[in-house]
Amino acid sequence: MKFSQNGLWCAAILLSLVSLSAQAATDSEIDRLLKKLPPPEKLVQRNEHVVRVADPALNDPLVKQIDAATNAKQWKRAFELSRQLAARHPSSAAANYYAGYCAAEAKLYPEATASYRRAIAIQPQLVLGHFSLALIEWKQGHRGEALQHLRQVTKLEPKAAAGWAILSMASEIVGNRQESVTAARRLVVVAPREPAAWVRLSVAERNIGNGKAATEALNRAVQVAGGAKASAPKKSTTSKKAASKKKG
């Protein structure tokens, strides 16, 4: 578990977490998208939205033991060690986040929930803490709590497409179609060149009876997809023609 001093910006991390769904939302789709979280060592940055570089827990000798356990996929041992780390550094968001991460990998969901909650209590703007907690709450069937943390993600990182995409799908699943379409409308503003974003909006608009808006969004998806294909570099046929002439 080597903590890099040059972590990624949180918005970039969130954007890389998911490929936008072009279909109606399902539980399995939400679970697939939410669980694509980077390990804690990817989160170090001089930014309150990710783990603090100066967090004292990062220099604790226990970190090497946790690293060995995670590399060996010994998640229960990793959780026990990370829990010791959090006990040594109770005011460390990093230690508590890592305890949550290891507990989640070990499928110890109540323990993961408690650890993630402590992490965001210490560092309320820890975006990946809210994102991770949304996953765990969703897995436990706590849909309202999961949505609450997804909303917080979109507030903290409004330009990250992943937050709006998952919020739209999750809201659709719980029957909150108005929130789903609102999130989808924000999604296409953030990611206007993503055909799947427009398809997501089309589905959300259709769900609230906006047939015309749904058709317009679907047409836009086709246009965007066509534009992407048109702008893609074409393979040159010059070399092929030259090769055929030589053969002739």
C-alpha atoms as a PDB file:
ATOM      1  CA  MET A   1       0.000   0.000   0.000  1.00  0.00           C
ATOM      2  CA  LYS A   2       2.364   2.670  -1.211  1.00  0.00           C
ATOM      3  CA  PHE A   3       0.743   6.084  -0.883  1.00  0.00           C
ATOM      4  CA  SER A   4       1.723   8.234  -3.852  1.00  0.00           C
ATOM      5  CA  GLN A   5       2.350  11.939  -3.278  1.00  0.00           C
ATOM      6  CA  ASN A   6       0.999  12.657  -6.754  1.00  0.00           C
ATOM      7  CA  GLY A   7      -2.566  11.384  -6.497  1.00  0.00           C
ATOM      8  CA  LEU A   8      -5.234  12.002  -9.093  1.00  0.00           C
ATOM      9  CA  TRP A   9      -7.694  14.872  -8.887  1.00  0.00           C
ATOM     10  CA  CYS A  10     -10.930  13.561  -7.460  1.00  0.00           C
ATOM     11  CA  ALA A  11     -13.047  14.614 -10.421  1.00  0.00           C
ATOM     12  CA  ALA A  12     -10.740  12.699 -12.732  1.00  0.00           C
ATOM     13  CA  ILE A  13     -11.009   9.648 -10.490  1.00  0.00           C
ATOM     14  CA  LEU A  14     -14.781   9.802 -10.504  1.00  0.00           C
ATOM     15  CA  LEU A  15     -14.903  10.237 -14.264  1.00  0.00           C
ATOM     16  CA  SER A  16     -12.802   7.109 -14.661  1.00  0.00           C
ATOM     17  CA  LEU A  17     -14.928   4.996 -12.336  1.00  0.00           C
ATOM     18  CA  VAL A  18     -17.740   4.210 -14.718  1.00  0.00           C
ATOM     19  CA  SER A  19     -18.722   3.783 -18.306  1.00  0.00           C
ATOM     20  CA  LEU A  20     -22.139   5.359 -18.654  1.00  0.00           C
ATOM     21  CA  SER A  21     -25.027   2.955 -18.908  1.00  0.00           C
ATOM     22  CA  ALA A  22     -27.181   3.189 -22.013  1.00  0.00           C
ATOM     23  CA  GLN A  23     -29.936   1.045 -20.532  1.00  0.00           C
ATOM     24  CA  ALA A  24     -32.581   1.267 -17.864  1.00  0.00           C
ATOM     25  CA  ALA A  25     -31.131   1.117 -14.376  1.00  0.00           C
ATOM     26  CA  THR A  26     -30.891  -2.180 -12.496  1.00  0.00           C
ATOM     27  CA  ASP A  27     -29.550  -3.194  -9.093  1.00  0.00           C
ATOM     28  CA  SER A  28     -26.712  -5.159 -10.679  1.00  0.00           C
ATOM     29  CA  GLU A  29     -25.751  -2.187 -12.846  1.00  0.00           C
ATOM     30  CA  ILE A  30     -25.614   0.141  -9.840  1.00  0.00           C
ATOM     31  CA  ASP A  31     -23.548  -2.394  -7.917  1.00  0.00           C
ATOM     32  CA  ARG A  32     -21.147  -2.842 -10.845  1.00  0.00           C
ATOM     33  CA  LEU A  33     -20.612   0.886 -11.223  1.00  0.00           C
ATOM     34  CA  LEU A  34     -20.271   1.717  -7.554  1.00  0.00           C
ATOM     35  CA  LYS A  35     -17.764  -0.995  -6.744  1.00  0.00           C
ATOM     36  CA  LYS A  36     -15.205   0.317  -9.245  1.00  0.00           C
ATOM     37  CA  LEU A  37     -13.484   2.323  -6.561  1.00  0.00           C
ATOM     38  CA  PRO A  38      -9.739   2.916  -6.589  1.00  0.00           C
ATOM     39  CA  PRO A  39      -7.709   1.681  -3.602  1.00  0.00           C
ATOM     40  CA  PRO A  40      -6.798   4.291  -0.978  1.00  0.00           C
ATOM     41  CA  GLU A  41      -3.230   4.677  -2.225  1.00  0.00           C
ATOM     42  CA  LYS A  42      -4.661   6.363  -5.338  1.00  0.00           C
ATOM     43  CA  LEU A  43      -6.418   9.032  -3.299  1.00  0.00           C
ATOM     44  CA  VAL A  44      -3.595  11.080  -1.788  1.00  0.00           C
ATOM     45  CA  GLN A  45      -3.768  14.722  -2.878  1.00  0.00           C
ATOM     46  CA  ARG A  46      -3.441  18.235  -1.539  1.00  0.00           C
ATOM     47  CA  ASN A  47      -7.184  18.609  -1.651  1.00  0.00           C
ATOM     48  CA  GLU A  48      -9.896  18.133   0.981  1.00  0.00           C
ATOM     49  CA  HIS A  49     -11.822  15.922  -1.452  1.00  0.00           C
ATOM     50  CA  VAL A  50      -9.220  13.154  -1.178  1.00  0.00           C
ATOM     51  CA  VAL A  51      -6.895  11.807   1.511  1.00  0.00           C
ATOM     52  CA  ARG A  52      -4.645  14.455   3.043  1.00  0.00           C
ATOM     53  CA  VAL A  53      -0.965  14.177   2.175  1.00  0.00           C
ATOM     54  CA  ALA A  54       0.029  15.176   5.714  1.00  0.00           C
ATOM     55  CA  ASP A  55      -2.146  12.537   7.393  1.00  0.00           C
ATOM     56  CA  PRO A  56       0.121  11.032  10.115  1.00  0.00           C
ATOM     57  CA  ALA A  57      -1.285   7.531   9.654  1.00  0.00           C
ATOM     58  CA  LEU A  58       0.399   7.290   6.257  1.00  0.00           C
ATOM     59  CA  ASN A  59       3.824   7.038   7.923  1.00  0.00           C
ATOM     60  CA  ASP A  60       2.862   4.395  10.482  1.00  0.00           C
ATOM     61  CA  PRO A  61       4.830   1.082  10.243  1.00  0.00           C
ATOM     62  CA  LEU A  62       1.509  -0.789  10.202  1.00  0.00           C
ATOM     63  CA  VAL A  63       0.995   0.458   6.658  1.00  0.00           C
ATOM     64  CA  LYS A  64       3.583  -2.013   5.322  1.00  0.00           C
ATOM     65  CA  GLN A  65       1.819  -4.905   7.049  1.00  0.00           C
ATOM     66  CA  ILE A  66      -1.517  -3.810   5.628  1.00  0.00           C
ATOM     67  CA  ASP A  67       0.124  -3.572   2.225  1.00  0.00           C
ATOM     68  CA  ALA A  68       1.363  -7.164   2.471  1.00  0.00           C
ATOM     69  CA  ALA A  69      -2.058  -8.419   3.555  1.00  0.00           C
ATOM     70  CA  THR A  70      -3.891  -6.617   0.752  1.00  0.00           C
ATOM     71  CA  ASN A  71      -1.404  -7.854  -1.849  1.00  0.00           C
ATOM     72  CA  ALA A  72      -2.078 -11.382  -0.615  1.00  0.00           C
ATOM     73  CA  LYS A  73      -5.852 -10.727  -0.708  1.00  0.00           C
ATOM     74  CA  GLN A  74      -6.015 -11.478   3.020  1.00  0.00           C
ATOM     75  CA  TRP A  75      -8.784  -8.976   3.554  1.00  0.00           C
ATOM     76  CA  LYS A  76      -9.817  -9.940   7.076  1.00  0.00           C
ATOM     77  CA  ARG A  77      -6.229  -9.621   8.269  1.00  0.00           C
ATOM     78  CA  ALA A  78      -5.917  -6.354   6.361  1.00  0.00           C
ATOM     79  CA  PHE A  79      -9.050  -5.108   8.098  1.00  0.00           C
ATOM     80  CA  GLU A  80      -7.761  -6.076  11.551  1.00  0.00           C
ATOM     81  CA  LEU A  81      -4.480  -4.294  10.872  1.00  0.00           C
ATOM     82  CA  SER A  82      -6.194  -1.225   9.452  1.00  0.00           C
ATOM     83  CA  ARG A  83      -8.490  -1.159  12.473  1.00  0.00           C
ATOM     84  CA  GLN A  84      -5.378  -1.088  14.661  1.00  0.00           C
ATOM     85  CA  LEU A  85      -4.094   1.756  12.505  1.00  0.00           C
ATOM     86  CA  ALA A  86      -7.330   3.668  13.043  1.00  0.00           C
ATOM     87  CA  ALA A  87      -7.119   3.029  16.795  1.00  0.00           C
ATOM     88  CA  ARG A  88      -3.627   4.526  16.839  1.00  0.00           C
ATOM     89  CA  HIS A  89      -4.760   7.495  14.746  1.00  0.00           C
ATOM     90  CA  PRO A  90      -8.428   8.090  15.627  1.00  0.00           C
ATOM     91  CA  SER A  91      -8.409  11.533  13.994  1.00  0.00           C
ATOM     92  CA  SER A  92      -7.063  10.167  10.702  1.00  0.00           C
ATOM     93  CA  ALA A  93      -9.493  10.078   7.780  1.00  0.00           C
ATOM     94  CA  ALA A  94      -7.001   7.954   5.830  1.00  0.00           C
ATOM     95  CA  ALA A  95      -6.786   5.240   8.508  1.00  0.00           C
ATOM     96  CA  ASN A  96     -10.554   5.037   8.876  1.00  0.00           C
ATOM     97  CA  TYR A  97     -11.110   5.090   5.121  1.00  0.00           C
ATOM     98  CA  TYR A  98      -8.650   2.241   4.678  1.00  0.00           C
ATOM     99  CA  ALA A  99     -10.352   0.257   7.448  1.00  0.00           C
ATOM    100  CA  GLY A 100     -13.608   0.726   5.563  1.00  0.00           C
ATOM    101  CA  TYR A 101     -12.035  -0.300   2.278  1.00  0.00           C
ATOM    102  CA  CYS A 102     -10.540  -3.499   3.729  1.00  0.00           C
ATOM    103  CA  ALA A 103     -13.760  -4.340   5.569  1.00  0.00           C
ATOM    104  CA  ALA A 104     -15.739  -3.905   2.358  1.00  0.00           C
ATOM    105  CA  GLU A 105     -13.363  -6.211   0.478  1.00  0.00           C
ATOM    106  CA  ALA A 106     -13.807  -8.757   3.289  1.00  0.00           C
ATOM    107  CA  LYS A 107     -17.597  -8.321   2.924  1.00  0.00           C
ATOM    108  CA  LEU A 108     -17.825  -7.049   6.505  1.00  0.00           C
ATOM    109  CA  TYR A 109     -20.379  -4.434   5.534  1.00  0.00           C
ATOM    110  CA  PRO A 110     -21.466  -3.126   8.972  1.00  0.00           C
ATOM    111  CA  GLU A 111     -17.799  -2.629   9.891  1.00  0.00           C
ATOM    112  CA  ALA A 112     -17.145  -0.937   6.550  1.00  0.00           C
ATOM    113  CA  THR A 113     -20.102   1.379   7.112  1.00  0.00           C
ATOM    114  CA  ALA A 114     -18.861   2.394  10.558  1.00  0.00           C
ATOM    115  CA  SER A 115     -15.320   3.044   9.313  1.00  0.00           C
ATOM    116  CA  TYR A 116     -16.419   5.091   6.303  1.00  0.00           C
ATOM    117  CA  ARG A 117     -18.723   7.139   8.513  1.00  0.00           C
ATOM    118  CA  ARG A 118     -15.847   7.922  10.855  1.00  0.00           C
ATOM    119  CA  ALA A 119     -13.688   8.933   7.880  1.00  0.00           C
ATOM    120  CA  ILE A 120     -16.202  11.447   6.534  1.00  0.00           C
ATOM    121  CA  ALA A 121     -16.975  12.714  10.047  1.00  0.00           C
ATOM    122  CA  ILE A 122     -13.287  13.630  10.280  1.00  0.00           C
ATOM    123  CA  GLN A 123     -13.092  14.941   6.713  1.00  0.00           C
ATOM    124  CA  PRO A 124     -16.620  15.832   5.514  1.00  0.00           C
ATOM    125  CA  GLN A 125     -15.518  16.709   1.979  1.00  0.00           C
ATOM    126  CA  LEU A 126     -13.879  13.324   1.368  1.00  0.00           C
ATOM    127  CA  VAL A 127     -15.679  12.545  -1.887  1.00  0.00           C
ATOM    128  CA  LEU A 128     -14.520   8.953  -2.206  1.00  0.00           C
ATOM    129  CA  GLY A 129     -15.650   8.405   1.382  1.00  0.00           C
ATOM    130  CA  HIS A 130     -19.194   9.383   0.402  1.00  0.00           C
ATOM    131  CA  PHE A 131     -18.955   7.356  -2.809  1.00  0.00           C
ATOM    132  CA  SER A 132     -17.702   4.273  -0.954  1.00  0.00           C
ATOM    133  CA  LEU A 133     -20.323   4.636   1.750  1.00  0.00           C
ATOM    134  CA  ALA A 134     -23.014   4.833  -0.933  1.00  0.00           C
ATOM    135  CA  LEU A 135     -21.825   1.448  -2.228  1.00  0.00           C
ATOM    136  CA  ILE A 136     -21.939  -0.192   1.181  1.00  0.00           C
ATOM    137  CA  GLU A 137     -25.327   1.256   2.083  1.00  0.00           C
ATOM    138  CA  TRP A 138     -26.717   0.134  -1.279  1.00  0.00           C
ATOM    139  CA  LYS A 139     -25.374  -3.393  -0.798  1.00  0.00           C
ATOM    140  CA  GLN A 140     -27.168  -3.561   2.547  1.00  0.00           C
ATOM    141  CA  GLY A 141     -30.436  -2.371   1.049  1.00  0.00           C
ATOM    142  CA  HIS A 142     -30.217   1.058   2.684  1.00  0.00           C
ATOM    143  CA  ARG A 143     -31.287   2.917  -0.439  1.00  0.00           C
ATOM    144  CA  GLY A 144     -32.158   6.210   1.233  1.00  0.00           C
ATOM    145  CA  GLU A 145     -28.759   6.460   2.917  1.00  0.00           C
ATOM    146  CA  ALA A 146     -26.993   5.524  -0.321  1.00  0.00           C
ATOM    147  CA  LEU A 147     -28.825   8.247  -2.234  1.00  0.00           C
ATOM    148  CA  GLN A 148     -27.943  10.783   0.437  1.00  0.00           C
ATOM    149  CA  HIS A 149     -24.236  10.149  -0.089  1.00  0.00           C
ATOM    150  CA  LEU A 150     -24.566  10.112  -3.880  1.00  0.00           C
ATOM    151  CA  ARG A 151     -26.178  13.546  -3.669  1.00  0.00           C
ATOM    152  CA  GLN A 152     -23.239  14.711  -1.583  1.00  0.00           C
ATOM    153  CA  VAL A 153     -20.858  13.448  -4.268  1.00  0.00           C
ATOM    154  CA  THR A 154     -22.626  15.563  -6.897  1.00  0.00           C
ATOM    155  CA  LYS A 155     -22.495  18.607  -4.618  1.00  0.00           C
ATOM    156  CA  LEU A 156     -18.780  18.224  -3.979  1.00  0.00           C
ATOM    157  CA  GLU A 157     -17.873  17.293  -7.569  1.00  0.00           C
ATOM    158  CA  PRO A 158     -20.624  18.744  -9.790  1.00  0.00           C
ATOM    159  CA  LYS A 159     -18.487  18.410 -12.924  1.00  0.00           C
ATOM    160  CA  ALA A 160     -17.915  14.667 -12.497  1.00  0.00           C
ATOM    161  CA  ALA A 161     -20.192  12.676 -14.796  1.00  0.00           C
ATOM    162  CA  ALA A 162     -20.089   9.495 -12.704  1.00  0.00           C
ATOM    163  CA  GLY A 163     -21.940  11.040  -9.775  1.00  0.00           C
ATOM    164  CA  TRP A 164     -24.833  12.265 -11.921  1.00  0.00           C
ATOM    165  CA  ALA A 165     -25.015   9.004 -13.900  1.00  0.00           C
ATOM    166  CA  ILE A 166     -25.256   6.801 -10.825  1.00  0.00           C
ATOM    167  CA  LEU A 167     -27.597   9.189  -8.995  1.00  0.00           C
ATOM    168  CA  SER A 168     -29.942   9.112 -11.997  1.00  0.00           C
ATOM    169  CA  MET A 169     -29.982   5.308 -12.143  1.00  0.00           C
ATOM    170  CA  ALA A 170     -30.240   4.821  -8.383  1.00  0.00           C
ATOM    171  CA  SER A 171     -33.109   7.303  -8.142  1.00  0.00           C
ATOM    172  CA  GLU A 172     -34.904   5.489 -10.948  1.00  0.00           C
ATOM    173  CA  ILE A 173     -34.614   2.168  -9.124  1.00  0.00           C
ATOM    174  CA  VAL A 174     -36.167   3.525  -5.920  1.00  0.00           C
ATOM    175  CA  GLY A 175     -38.992   5.132  -7.893  1.00  0.00           C
ATOM    176  CA  ASN A 176     -37.875   8.751  -7.604  1.00  0.00           C
ATOM    177  CA  ARG A 177     -38.256   9.477 -11.292  1.00  0.00           C
ATOM    178  CA  GLN A 178     -38.151  13.245 -10.990  1.00  0.00           C
ATOM    179  CA  GLU A 179     -34.768  13.177  -9.278  1.00  0.00           C
ATOM    180  CA  SER A 180     -33.622  10.657 -11.875  1.00  0.00           C
ATOM    181  CA  VAL A 181     -34.458  12.955 -14.774  1.00  0.00           C
ATOM    182  CA  THR A 182     -33.003  15.993 -12.992  1.00  0.00           C
ATOM    183  CA  ALA A 183     -29.712  14.145 -12.517  1.00  0.00           C
ATOM    184  CA  ALA A 184     -29.777  12.943 -16.136  1.00  0.00           C
ATOM    185  CA  ARG A 185     -30.255  16.514 -17.347  1.00  0.00           C
ATOM    186  CA  ARG A 186     -27.205  17.567 -15.367  1.00  0.00           C
ATOM    187  CA  LEU A 187     -25.339  14.574 -16.764  1.00  0.00           C
ATOM    188  CA  VAL A 188     -25.702  15.683 -20.388  1.00  0.00           C
ATOM    189  CA  VAL A 189     -24.484  19.159 -19.443  1.00  0.00           C
ATOM    190  CA  VAL A 190     -21.359  17.636 -17.900  1.00  0.00           C
ATOM    191  CA  ALA A 191     -20.820  14.994 -20.606  1.00  0.00           C
ATOM    192  CA  PRO A 192     -22.495  16.307 -23.792  1.00  0.00           C
ATOM    193  CA  ARG A 193     -20.267  14.227 -26.073  1.00  0.00           C
ATOM    194  CA  GLU A 194     -21.201  10.913 -24.453  1.00  0.00           C
ATOM    195  CA  PRO A 195     -23.954   9.149 -26.453  1.00  0.00           C
ATOM    196  CA  ALA A 196     -24.824   7.013 -23.417  1.00  0.00           C
ATOM    197  CA  ALA A 197     -25.473  10.163 -21.375  1.00  0.00           C
ATOM    198  CA  TRP A 198     -28.170  11.193 -23.864  1.00  0.00           C
ATOM    199  CA  VAL A 199     -29.634   7.680 -23.848  1.00  0.00           C
ATOM    200  CA  ARG A 200     -29.784   7.837 -20.042  1.00  0.00           C
ATOM    201  CA  LEU A 201     -31.645  11.139 -20.350  1.00  0.00           C
ATOM    202  CA  SER A 202     -33.989   9.616 -22.926  1.00  0.00           C
ATOM    203  CA  VAL A 203     -34.857   6.764 -20.551  1.00  0.00           C
ATOM    204  CA  ALA A 204     -35.389   9.165 -17.642  1.00  0.00           C
ATOM    205  CA  GLU A 205     -37.574  11.522 -19.699  1.00  0.00           C
ATOM    206  CA  ARG A 206     -39.687   8.629 -20.945  1.00  0.00           C
ATOM    207  CA  ASN A 207     -40.166   7.419 -17.363  1.00  0.00           C
ATOM    208  CA  ILE A 208     -41.916  10.674 -16.428  1.00  0.00           C
ATOM    209  CA  GLY A 209     -44.015  10.731 -19.595  1.00  0.00           C
ATOM    210  CA  ASN A 210     -41.984  13.259 -21.592  1.00  0.00           C
ATOM    211  CA  GLY A 211     -42.175  11.401 -24.882  1.00  0.00           C
ATOM    212  CA  LYS A 212     -41.065  14.340 -27.014  1.00  0.00           C
ATOM    213  CA  ALA A 213     -38.060  15.085 -24.788  1.00  0.00           C
ATOM    214  CA  ALA A 214     -37.171  11.382 -24.739  1.00  0.00           C
ATOM    215  CA  THR A 215     -37.173  11.253 -28.542  1.00  0.00           C
ATOM    216  CA  GLU A 216     -35.101  14.428 -28.790  1.00  0.00           C
ATOM    217  CA  ALA A 217     -32.527  13.027 -26.355  1.00  0.00           C
ATOM    218  CA  LEU A 218     -32.352   9.765 -28.287  1.00  0.00           C
ATOM    219  CA  ASN A 219     -31.872  11.649 -31.554  1.00  0.00           C
ATOM    220  CA  ARG A 220     -29.100  13.636 -29.913  1.00  0.00           C
ATOM    221  CA  ALA A 221     -27.441  10.385 -28.846  1.00  0.00           C
ATOM    222  CA  VAL A 222     -27.463   9.232 -32.469  1.00  0.00           C
ATOM    223  CA  GLN A 223     -26.031  12.561 -33.631  1.00  0.00           C
ATOM    224  CA  VAL A 224     -23.273  12.507 -31.030  1.00  0.00           C
ATOM    225  CA  ALA A 225     -22.409   8.904 -31.840  1.00  0.00           C
ATOM    226  CA  GLY A 226     -22.325   9.716 -35.555  1.00  0.00           C
ATOM    227  CA  GLY A 227     -20.123  12.734 -34.951  1.00  0.00           C
ATOM    228  CA  ALA A 228     -17.697  10.656 -32.925  1.00  0.00           C
ATOM    229  CA  LYS A 229     -17.415   8.122 -35.742  1.00  0.00           C
ATOM    230  CA  ALA A 230     -16.970  10.847 -38.346  1.00  0.00           C
ATOM    231  CA  SER A 231     -14.178  12.503 -36.370  1.00  0.00           C
ATOM    232  CA  ALA A 232     -12.322   9.227 -35.807  1.00  0.00           C
ATOM    233  CA  PRO A 233      -9.103   9.007 -37.861  1.00  0.00           C
ATOM    234  CA  LYS A 234      -9.521   6.918 -40.984  1.00  0.00           C
ATOM    235  CA  LYS A 235      -6.962   4.359 -42.011  1.00  0.00           C
ATOM    236  CA  SER A 236      -4.974   5.534 -44.977  1.00  0.00           C
ATOM    237  CA  THR A 237      -5.277   3.481 -48.151  1.00  0.00           C
ATOM    238  CA  THR A 238      -2.180   5.057 -49.721  1.00  0.00           C
ATOM    239  CA  SER A 239       0.208   2.493 -48.307  1.00  0.00           C
ATOM    240  CA  LYS A 240      -2.098  -0.335 -49.386  1.00  0.00           C
ATOM    241  CA  LYS A 241      -2.230   1.002 -52.966  1.00  0.00           C
ATOM    242  CA  ALA A 242       1.542   1.435 -53.056  1.00  0.00           C
ATOM    243  CA  ALA A 243       2.013  -2.114 -51.850  1.00  0.00           C
ATOM    244  CA  SER A 244      -0.348  -3.471 -54.501  1.00  0.00           C
ATOM    245  CA  LYS A 245       1.519  -1.568 -57.247  1.00  0.00           C
ATOM    246  CA  LYS A 246       4.817  -3.065 -56.139  1.00  0.00           C
ATOM    247  CA  LYS A 247       3.313  -6.530 -56.270  1.00  0.00           C
ATOM    248  CA  GLY A 248       1.975  -5.790 -59.762  1.00  0.00           C
END
